[in-house]
């Protein structure tokens, strides 16, 4: 995946599309940094993680600008374009129903009785496949059903 992103950077440079180029370079830089920190090669998992981080950062920027009524600003527009573009590279996100089924499966397979262990297993299994907040919420709901 990282090679595809690098090719897309080259295409964006040729097309003089600085918005796309900058978005892709930010992701590549995040992936490179994460790989160096982990002393490993850049894998698809690391690249997806970098994509998610960059999209989250762009969303936060947009949210701040929206809160300050600056949705007409250039930064807001650029952030929105970059976010929408980068989202096309993410793997298909799981629905809440699919997440719930996976959480139930993990609970039953591993006979989990501890919320911390459940979160560790669920997050490892679903990393990059869905929003962490949604995963966490569903895991808590399913765990609470068990303890009643």
N, C-alpha and C. Protein backbone atom coordinates (compact mmCIF):
# COMPACT_ATOMS: atom_id res chain seq x y z
N UNK A 1 0.83 -1.20 0.00
CA UNK A 1 0.00 0.00 0.00
C UNK A 1 0.87 1.26 0.00
N UNK A 2 1.97 1.22 0.75
CA UNK A 2 2.84 2.40 0.83
C UNK A 2 3.40 2.75 -0.55
N UNK A 3 3.69 1.72 -1.35
CA UNK A 3 4.21 1.97 -2.70
C UNK A 3 3.16 2.66 -3.58
N UNK A 4 1.90 2.26 -3.39
CA UNK A 4 0.82 2.90 -4.15
C UNK A 4 0.72 4.38 -3.76
N UNK A 5 0.84 4.65 -2.47
CA UNK A 5 0.78 6.05 -2.02
C UNK A 5 1.94 6.86 -2.60
N UNK A 6 3.12 6.25 -2.65
CA UNK A 6 4.28 6.94 -3.22
C UNK A 6 4.07 7.22 -4.70
N UNK A 7 3.47 6.28 -5.43
CA UNK A 7 3.16 6.51 -6.84
C UNK A 7 2.16 7.64 -7.01
N UNK A 8 1.19 7.67 -6.11
CA UNK A 8 0.18 8.73 -6.17
C UNK A 8 0.79 10.10 -5.88
N UNK A 9 1.81 10.15 -5.02
CA UNK A 9 2.52 11.41 -4.75
C UNK A 9 3.17 11.90 -6.04
N UNK A 10 3.80 10.98 -6.76
CA UNK A 10 4.45 11.35 -8.02
C UNK A 10 3.44 11.89 -9.02
N UNK A 11 2.29 11.21 -9.11
CA UNK A 11 1.23 11.67 -10.02
C UNK A 11 0.74 13.07 -9.62
N UNK A 12 0.59 13.28 -8.32
CA UNK A 12 0.12 14.58 -7.83
C UNK A 12 1.15 15.66 -8.11
N UNK A 13 2.43 15.32 -8.01
CA UNK A 13 3.49 16.29 -8.30
C UNK A 13 3.47 16.67 -9.78
N UNK A 14 3.30 15.68 -10.64
CA UNK A 14 3.25 15.94 -12.08
C UNK A 14 2.04 16.80 -12.41
N UNK A 15 0.92 16.52 -11.73
CA UNK A 15 -0.32 17.27 -11.97
C UNK A 15 -0.32 18.62 -11.24
N UNK A 16 0.75 18.88 -10.45
CA UNK A 16 0.85 20.09 -9.65
C UNK A 16 -0.34 20.24 -8.69
N UNK A 17 -0.76 19.09 -8.14
CA UNK A 17 -1.85 19.04 -7.17
C UNK A 17 -1.26 19.00 -5.77
N UNK A 18 -0.97 20.17 -5.21
CA UNK A 18 -0.29 20.24 -3.92
C UNK A 18 -1.16 19.74 -2.76
N UNK A 19 -2.46 19.87 -2.87
CA UNK A 19 -3.35 19.42 -1.80
C UNK A 19 -3.25 17.90 -1.64
N UNK A 20 -3.37 17.19 -2.74
CA UNK A 20 -3.27 15.73 -2.73
C UNK A 20 -1.86 15.29 -2.33
N UNK A 21 -0.87 15.93 -2.91
CA UNK A 21 0.52 15.59 -2.62
C UNK A 21 0.81 15.73 -1.13
N UNK A 22 0.40 16.85 -0.54
CA UNK A 22 0.65 17.08 0.89
C UNK A 22 -0.07 16.07 1.78
N UNK A 23 -1.30 15.74 1.41
CA UNK A 23 -2.06 14.75 2.20
C UNK A 23 -1.34 13.41 2.18
N UNK A 24 -0.92 12.99 1.00
CA UNK A 24 -0.24 11.70 0.87
C UNK A 24 1.13 11.71 1.57
N UNK A 25 1.85 12.80 1.44
CA UNK A 25 3.17 12.89 2.08
C UNK A 25 3.03 12.83 3.61
N UNK A 26 1.99 13.46 4.13
CA UNK A 26 1.76 13.41 5.58
C UNK A 26 1.56 11.96 6.04
N UNK A 27 0.78 11.20 5.28
CA UNK A 27 0.53 9.80 5.63
C UNK A 27 1.82 8.99 5.53
N UNK A 28 2.56 9.18 4.45
CA UNK A 28 3.82 8.46 4.27
C UNK A 28 4.79 8.78 5.40
N UNK A 29 4.88 10.04 5.77
CA UNK A 29 5.77 10.44 6.87
C UNK A 29 5.36 9.81 8.19
N UNK A 30 4.04 9.78 8.47
CA UNK A 30 3.55 9.16 9.70
C UNK A 30 3.86 7.66 9.70
N UNK A 31 3.67 7.00 8.56
CA UNK A 31 3.94 5.56 8.46
C UNK A 31 5.44 5.29 8.64
N UNK A 32 6.27 6.12 8.03
CA UNK A 32 7.72 5.96 8.14
C UNK A 32 8.16 6.14 9.60
N UNK A 33 7.64 7.15 10.25
CA UNK A 33 7.97 7.41 11.64
C UNK A 33 7.55 6.25 12.54
N UNK A 34 6.34 5.75 12.33
CA UNK A 34 5.85 4.64 13.14
C UNK A 34 6.69 3.38 12.92
N UNK A 35 7.08 3.14 11.67
CA UNK A 35 7.92 1.97 11.37
C UNK A 35 9.29 2.11 12.04
N UNK A 36 9.85 3.31 12.01
CA UNK A 36 11.15 3.53 12.65
C UNK A 36 11.05 3.35 14.16
N UNK A 37 9.97 3.86 14.76
CA UNK A 37 9.78 3.71 16.20
C UNK A 37 9.67 2.25 16.60
N UNK A 38 9.02 1.45 15.75
CA UNK A 38 8.84 0.03 16.03
C UNK A 38 10.00 -0.82 15.49
N UNK A 39 10.96 -0.15 14.85
CA UNK A 39 12.11 -0.82 14.25
C UNK A 39 11.68 -1.96 13.33
N UNK A 40 10.81 -1.62 12.40
CA UNK A 40 10.26 -2.59 11.47
C UNK A 40 10.08 -1.94 10.10
N UNK A 41 9.70 -2.75 9.13
CA UNK A 41 9.38 -2.25 7.80
C UNK A 41 7.99 -1.62 7.81
N UNK A 42 7.70 -0.82 6.79
CA UNK A 42 6.36 -0.22 6.69
C UNK A 42 5.41 -1.27 6.13
N UNK A 43 4.49 -1.71 6.95
CA UNK A 43 3.51 -2.72 6.54
C UNK A 43 2.19 -2.04 6.17
N UNK A 44 1.28 -2.82 5.62
CA UNK A 44 -0.05 -2.28 5.31
C UNK A 44 -0.74 -1.84 6.59
N UNK A 45 -0.55 -2.60 7.67
CA UNK A 45 -1.17 -2.25 8.95
C UNK A 45 -0.67 -0.88 9.44
N UNK A 46 0.62 -0.65 9.34
CA UNK A 46 1.20 0.63 9.75
C UNK A 46 0.69 1.75 8.85
N UNK A 47 0.57 1.48 7.55
CA UNK A 47 0.08 2.48 6.61
C UNK A 47 -1.37 2.84 6.90
N UNK A 48 -2.20 1.84 7.18
CA UNK A 48 -3.61 2.09 7.52
C UNK A 48 -3.69 2.89 8.81
N UNK A 49 -2.86 2.53 9.77
CA UNK A 49 -2.82 3.27 11.04
C UNK A 49 -2.47 4.73 10.79
N UNK A 50 -1.49 4.98 9.93
CA UNK A 50 -1.09 6.35 9.60
C UNK A 50 -2.23 7.08 8.88
N UNK A 51 -2.93 6.39 8.00
CA UNK A 51 -4.08 6.99 7.31
C UNK A 51 -5.14 7.41 8.32
N UNK A 52 -5.43 6.52 9.24
CA UNK A 52 -6.46 6.81 10.26
C UNK A 52 -6.05 8.02 11.09
N UNK A 53 -4.79 8.07 11.50
CA UNK A 53 -4.30 9.20 12.30
C UNK A 53 -4.42 10.51 11.53
N UNK A 54 -4.04 10.49 10.27
CA UNK A 54 -4.09 11.72 9.46
C UNK A 54 -5.54 12.16 9.26
N UNK A 55 -6.43 11.22 9.00
CA UNK A 55 -7.85 11.55 8.80
C UNK A 55 -8.43 12.12 10.09
N UNK A 56 -8.06 11.52 11.22
CA UNK A 56 -8.53 12.01 12.52
C UNK A 56 -8.03 13.43 12.76
N UNK A 57 -6.77 13.68 12.42
CA UNK A 57 -6.19 15.02 12.61
C UNK A 57 -6.91 16.04 11.72
N UNK A 58 -7.20 15.67 10.48
CA UNK A 58 -7.91 16.56 9.58
C UNK A 58 -9.33 16.82 10.10
N UNK A 59 -9.97 15.79 10.63
CA UNK A 59 -11.32 15.95 11.19
C UNK A 59 -11.31 16.91 12.37
N UNK A 60 -10.29 16.79 13.21
CA UNK A 60 -10.17 17.69 14.37
C UNK A 60 -9.96 19.13 13.91
N UNK A 61 -9.14 19.31 12.89
CA UNK A 61 -8.92 20.66 12.35
C UNK A 61 -10.23 21.24 11.84
N UNK A 62 -10.97 20.42 11.09
CA UNK A 62 -12.25 20.89 10.55
C UNK A 62 -13.23 21.21 11.68
N UNK A 63 -13.24 20.39 12.71
CA UNK A 63 -14.14 20.61 13.84
C UNK A 63 -13.82 21.92 14.56
N UNK A 64 -12.52 22.17 14.76
CA UNK A 64 -12.11 23.43 15.41
C UNK A 64 -12.53 24.63 14.57
N UNK A 65 -12.30 24.54 13.28
CA UNK A 65 -12.66 25.65 12.40
C UNK A 65 -14.17 25.85 12.38
N UNK A 66 -14.91 24.74 12.39
CA UNK A 66 -16.37 24.83 12.39
C UNK A 66 -16.87 25.47 13.68
N UNK A 67 -16.26 25.10 14.81
CA UNK A 67 -16.64 25.68 16.10
C UNK A 67 -16.40 27.18 16.12
N UNK A 68 -15.40 27.64 15.38
CA UNK A 68 -15.07 29.07 15.32
C UNK A 68 -15.70 29.77 14.11
N UNK A 69 -16.68 29.11 13.50
CA UNK A 69 -17.41 29.65 12.36
C UNK A 69 -16.48 30.05 11.20
N UNK A 70 -15.51 29.20 10.93
CA UNK A 70 -14.57 29.49 9.85
C UNK A 70 -14.63 28.40 8.77
N UNK A 71 -15.84 27.96 8.47
CA UNK A 71 -16.01 26.90 7.48
C UNK A 71 -15.78 27.40 6.05
N UNK A 72 -15.68 28.69 5.87
CA UNK A 72 -15.41 29.23 4.54
C UNK A 72 -13.91 29.47 4.33
N UNK A 73 -13.11 29.20 5.35
CA UNK A 73 -11.68 29.45 5.24
C UNK A 73 -11.02 28.44 4.29
N UNK A 74 -9.88 28.84 3.78
CA UNK A 74 -9.12 27.99 2.86
C UNK A 74 -8.66 26.71 3.56
N UNK A 75 -8.22 26.83 4.81
CA UNK A 75 -7.76 25.66 5.57
C UNK A 75 -8.87 24.62 5.73
N UNK A 76 -10.09 25.08 5.99
CA UNK A 76 -11.21 24.16 6.13
C UNK A 76 -11.46 23.42 4.83
N UNK A 77 -11.46 24.15 3.73
CA UNK A 77 -11.71 23.53 2.42
C UNK A 77 -10.63 22.52 2.06
N UNK A 78 -9.36 22.89 2.30
CA UNK A 78 -8.24 22.00 2.01
C UNK A 78 -8.31 20.75 2.88
N UNK A 79 -8.60 20.95 4.16
CA UNK A 79 -8.70 19.82 5.09
C UNK A 79 -9.81 18.86 4.67
N UNK A 80 -10.93 19.42 4.24
CA UNK A 80 -12.06 18.60 3.81
C UNK A 80 -11.71 17.78 2.56
N UNK A 81 -11.07 18.41 1.61
CA UNK A 81 -10.66 17.72 0.38
C UNK A 81 -9.67 16.61 0.71
N UNK A 82 -8.67 16.93 1.53
CA UNK A 82 -7.67 15.93 1.90
C UNK A 82 -8.31 14.76 2.64
N UNK A 83 -9.18 15.05 3.58
CA UNK A 83 -9.84 14.00 4.37
C UNK A 83 -10.65 13.08 3.45
N UNK A 84 -11.44 13.67 2.58
CA UNK A 84 -12.26 12.87 1.67
C UNK A 84 -11.39 12.02 0.74
N UNK A 85 -10.28 12.59 0.29
CA UNK A 85 -9.37 11.85 -0.59
C UNK A 85 -8.73 10.68 0.15
N UNK A 86 -8.23 10.93 1.34
CA UNK A 86 -7.54 9.88 2.10
C UNK A 86 -8.49 8.75 2.51
N UNK A 87 -9.74 9.08 2.75
CA UNK A 87 -10.72 8.05 3.14
C UNK A 87 -10.90 7.00 2.06
N UNK A 88 -10.61 7.35 0.82
CA UNK A 88 -10.75 6.37 -0.26
C UNK A 88 -9.73 5.25 -0.16
N UNK A 89 -8.65 5.47 0.59
CA UNK A 89 -7.61 4.45 0.76
C UNK A 89 -7.85 3.53 1.94
N UNK A 90 -8.79 3.89 2.80
CA UNK A 90 -9.06 3.05 3.97
C UNK A 90 -9.78 1.77 3.55
N UNK A 91 -9.51 0.68 4.27
CA UNK A 91 -10.28 -0.53 4.00
C UNK A 91 -11.75 -0.28 4.35
N UNK A 92 -12.63 -1.06 3.77
CA UNK A 92 -14.05 -0.91 4.05
C UNK A 92 -14.28 -1.02 5.55
N UNK A 93 -14.97 -0.04 6.10
CA UNK A 93 -15.23 -0.01 7.54
C UNK A 93 -16.40 -0.93 7.87
N UNK A 94 -16.28 -1.61 9.00
CA UNK A 94 -17.32 -2.55 9.43
C UNK A 94 -18.53 -1.78 9.95
N UNK A 95 -19.70 -2.39 9.77
CA UNK A 95 -20.92 -1.79 10.31
C UNK A 95 -21.01 -2.11 11.80
N UNK A 96 -21.89 -1.42 12.50
CA UNK A 96 -22.06 -1.66 13.94
C UNK A 96 -22.50 -3.10 14.18
N UNK A 97 -23.35 -3.62 13.30
CA UNK A 97 -23.82 -5.00 13.44
C UNK A 97 -22.66 -5.99 13.29
N UNK A 98 -21.78 -5.76 12.32
CA UNK A 98 -20.62 -6.63 12.12
C UNK A 98 -19.67 -6.56 13.33
N UNK A 99 -19.49 -5.36 13.86
CA UNK A 99 -18.63 -5.19 15.03
C UNK A 99 -19.23 -5.95 16.21
N UNK A 100 -20.53 -5.81 16.40
CA UNK A 100 -21.21 -6.48 17.51
C UNK A 100 -21.04 -8.00 17.42
N UNK A 101 -21.18 -8.55 16.21
CA UNK A 101 -21.02 -9.99 16.02
C UNK A 101 -19.58 -10.43 16.35
N UNK A 102 -18.61 -9.62 15.92
CA UNK A 102 -17.21 -9.94 16.20
C UNK A 102 -16.93 -9.89 17.70
N UNK A 103 -17.48 -8.89 18.39
CA UNK A 103 -17.29 -8.77 19.84
C UNK A 103 -17.90 -9.98 20.54
N UNK A 104 -19.11 -10.36 20.15
CA UNK A 104 -19.76 -11.52 20.76
C UNK A 104 -18.93 -12.78 20.52
N UNK A 105 -18.40 -12.90 19.32
CA UNK A 105 -17.58 -14.06 18.97
C UNK A 105 -16.32 -14.11 19.84
N UNK A 106 -15.67 -12.99 20.03
CA UNK A 106 -14.46 -12.93 20.85
C UNK A 106 -14.78 -13.28 22.30
N UNK A 107 -15.90 -12.78 22.80
CA UNK A 107 -16.30 -13.07 24.17
C UNK A 107 -16.53 -14.57 24.35
N UNK A 108 -17.26 -15.17 23.42
CA UNK A 108 -17.58 -16.59 23.58
C UNK A 108 -16.37 -17.50 23.34
N UNK A 109 -15.54 -17.18 22.35
CA UNK A 109 -14.36 -18.01 22.05
C UNK A 109 -13.38 -18.02 23.20
N UNK A 110 -13.18 -16.86 23.81
CA UNK A 110 -12.15 -16.72 24.84
C UNK A 110 -12.70 -16.76 26.26
N UNK A 111 -14.02 -16.94 26.40
CA UNK A 111 -14.65 -17.00 27.72
C UNK A 111 -14.20 -15.82 28.58
N UNK A 112 -14.36 -14.62 28.05
CA UNK A 112 -13.85 -13.40 28.69
C UNK A 112 -14.78 -12.93 29.80
N UNK A 113 -14.17 -12.63 30.95
CA UNK A 113 -14.92 -12.12 32.10
C UNK A 113 -14.34 -10.80 32.60
N UNK A 114 -13.34 -10.28 31.90
CA UNK A 114 -12.66 -9.05 32.31
C UNK A 114 -12.73 -8.04 31.16
N UNK A 115 -13.21 -6.85 31.46
CA UNK A 115 -13.38 -5.81 30.43
C UNK A 115 -12.05 -5.44 29.79
N UNK A 116 -10.98 -5.35 30.58
CA UNK A 116 -9.66 -4.99 30.04
C UNK A 116 -9.17 -5.99 29.01
N UNK A 117 -9.35 -7.26 29.31
CA UNK A 117 -8.93 -8.32 28.38
C UNK A 117 -9.79 -8.26 27.12
N UNK A 118 -11.08 -8.03 27.29
CA UNK A 118 -11.98 -7.93 26.14
C UNK A 118 -11.53 -6.79 25.22
N UNK A 119 -11.26 -5.62 25.79
CA UNK A 119 -10.86 -4.47 24.98
C UNK A 119 -9.56 -4.75 24.23
N UNK A 120 -8.63 -5.40 24.90
CA UNK A 120 -7.35 -5.73 24.27
C UNK A 120 -7.57 -6.65 23.06
N UNK A 121 -8.37 -7.68 23.25
CA UNK A 121 -8.64 -8.65 22.17
C UNK A 121 -9.42 -8.00 21.02
N UNK A 122 -10.45 -7.24 21.37
CA UNK A 122 -11.30 -6.62 20.36
C UNK A 122 -10.52 -5.59 19.54
N UNK A 123 -9.75 -4.75 20.21
CA UNK A 123 -8.99 -3.72 19.50
C UNK A 123 -7.94 -4.36 18.58
N UNK A 124 -7.31 -5.43 19.04
CA UNK A 124 -6.32 -6.11 18.20
C UNK A 124 -6.99 -6.72 16.98
N UNK A 125 -8.16 -7.28 17.17
CA UNK A 125 -8.87 -7.96 16.08
C UNK A 125 -9.45 -6.98 15.05
N UNK A 126 -9.93 -5.83 15.52
CA UNK A 126 -10.65 -4.90 14.64
C UNK A 126 -9.86 -3.65 14.27
N UNK A 127 -8.58 -3.60 14.61
CA UNK A 127 -7.78 -2.41 14.34
C UNK A 127 -7.83 -2.03 12.86
N UNK A 128 -8.23 -0.80 12.59
CA UNK A 128 -8.28 -0.29 11.23
C UNK A 128 -9.53 -0.67 10.46
N UNK A 129 -10.36 -1.53 11.05
CA UNK A 129 -11.56 -1.99 10.35
C UNK A 129 -12.80 -1.19 10.74
N UNK A 130 -12.68 -0.40 11.81
CA UNK A 130 -13.80 0.40 12.28
C UNK A 130 -13.26 1.48 13.22
N UNK A 131 -14.09 2.47 13.48
CA UNK A 131 -13.72 3.55 14.38
C UNK A 131 -13.58 3.02 15.81
N UNK A 132 -12.47 3.37 16.45
CA UNK A 132 -12.20 2.85 17.80
C UNK A 132 -13.27 3.23 18.81
N UNK A 133 -13.87 4.42 18.68
CA UNK A 133 -14.91 4.84 19.61
C UNK A 133 -16.13 3.93 19.50
N UNK A 134 -16.49 3.58 18.28
CA UNK A 134 -17.64 2.70 18.05
C UNK A 134 -17.34 1.30 18.58
N UNK A 135 -16.12 0.81 18.32
CA UNK A 135 -15.71 -0.50 18.82
C UNK A 135 -15.80 -0.52 20.34
N UNK A 136 -15.26 0.50 20.98
CA UNK A 136 -15.24 0.58 22.44
C UNK A 136 -16.66 0.61 23.00
N UNK A 137 -17.53 1.40 22.40
CA UNK A 137 -18.91 1.53 22.87
C UNK A 137 -19.63 0.18 22.78
N UNK A 138 -19.49 -0.50 21.65
CA UNK A 138 -20.16 -1.78 21.46
C UNK A 138 -19.59 -2.84 22.40
N UNK A 139 -18.27 -2.85 22.58
CA UNK A 139 -17.65 -3.80 23.50
C UNK A 139 -18.18 -3.60 24.91
N UNK A 140 -18.31 -2.35 25.35
CA UNK A 140 -18.83 -2.07 26.69
C UNK A 140 -20.28 -2.54 26.82
N UNK A 141 -21.08 -2.27 25.78
CA UNK A 141 -22.48 -2.69 25.80
C UNK A 141 -22.59 -4.21 25.93
N UNK A 142 -21.81 -4.92 25.12
CA UNK A 142 -21.88 -6.38 25.13
C UNK A 142 -21.34 -6.94 26.45
N UNK A 143 -20.30 -6.34 26.98
CA UNK A 143 -19.74 -6.81 28.26
C UNK A 143 -20.74 -6.58 29.38
N UNK A 144 -21.42 -5.44 29.36
CA UNK A 144 -22.41 -5.14 30.39
C UNK A 144 -23.59 -6.10 30.33
N UNK A 145 -23.93 -6.58 29.14
CA UNK A 145 -25.00 -7.57 29.01
C UNK A 145 -24.61 -8.87 29.71
N UNK A 146 -23.32 -9.20 29.67
CA UNK A 146 -22.82 -10.41 30.31
C UNK A 146 -22.88 -10.33 31.82
N UNK A 147 -22.54 -9.15 32.36
CA UNK A 147 -22.45 -9.03 33.80
C UNK A 147 -23.80 -8.82 34.49
N UNK A 148 -24.86 -8.78 33.71
CA UNK A 148 -26.21 -8.62 34.32
C UNK A 148 -26.82 -9.97 34.60
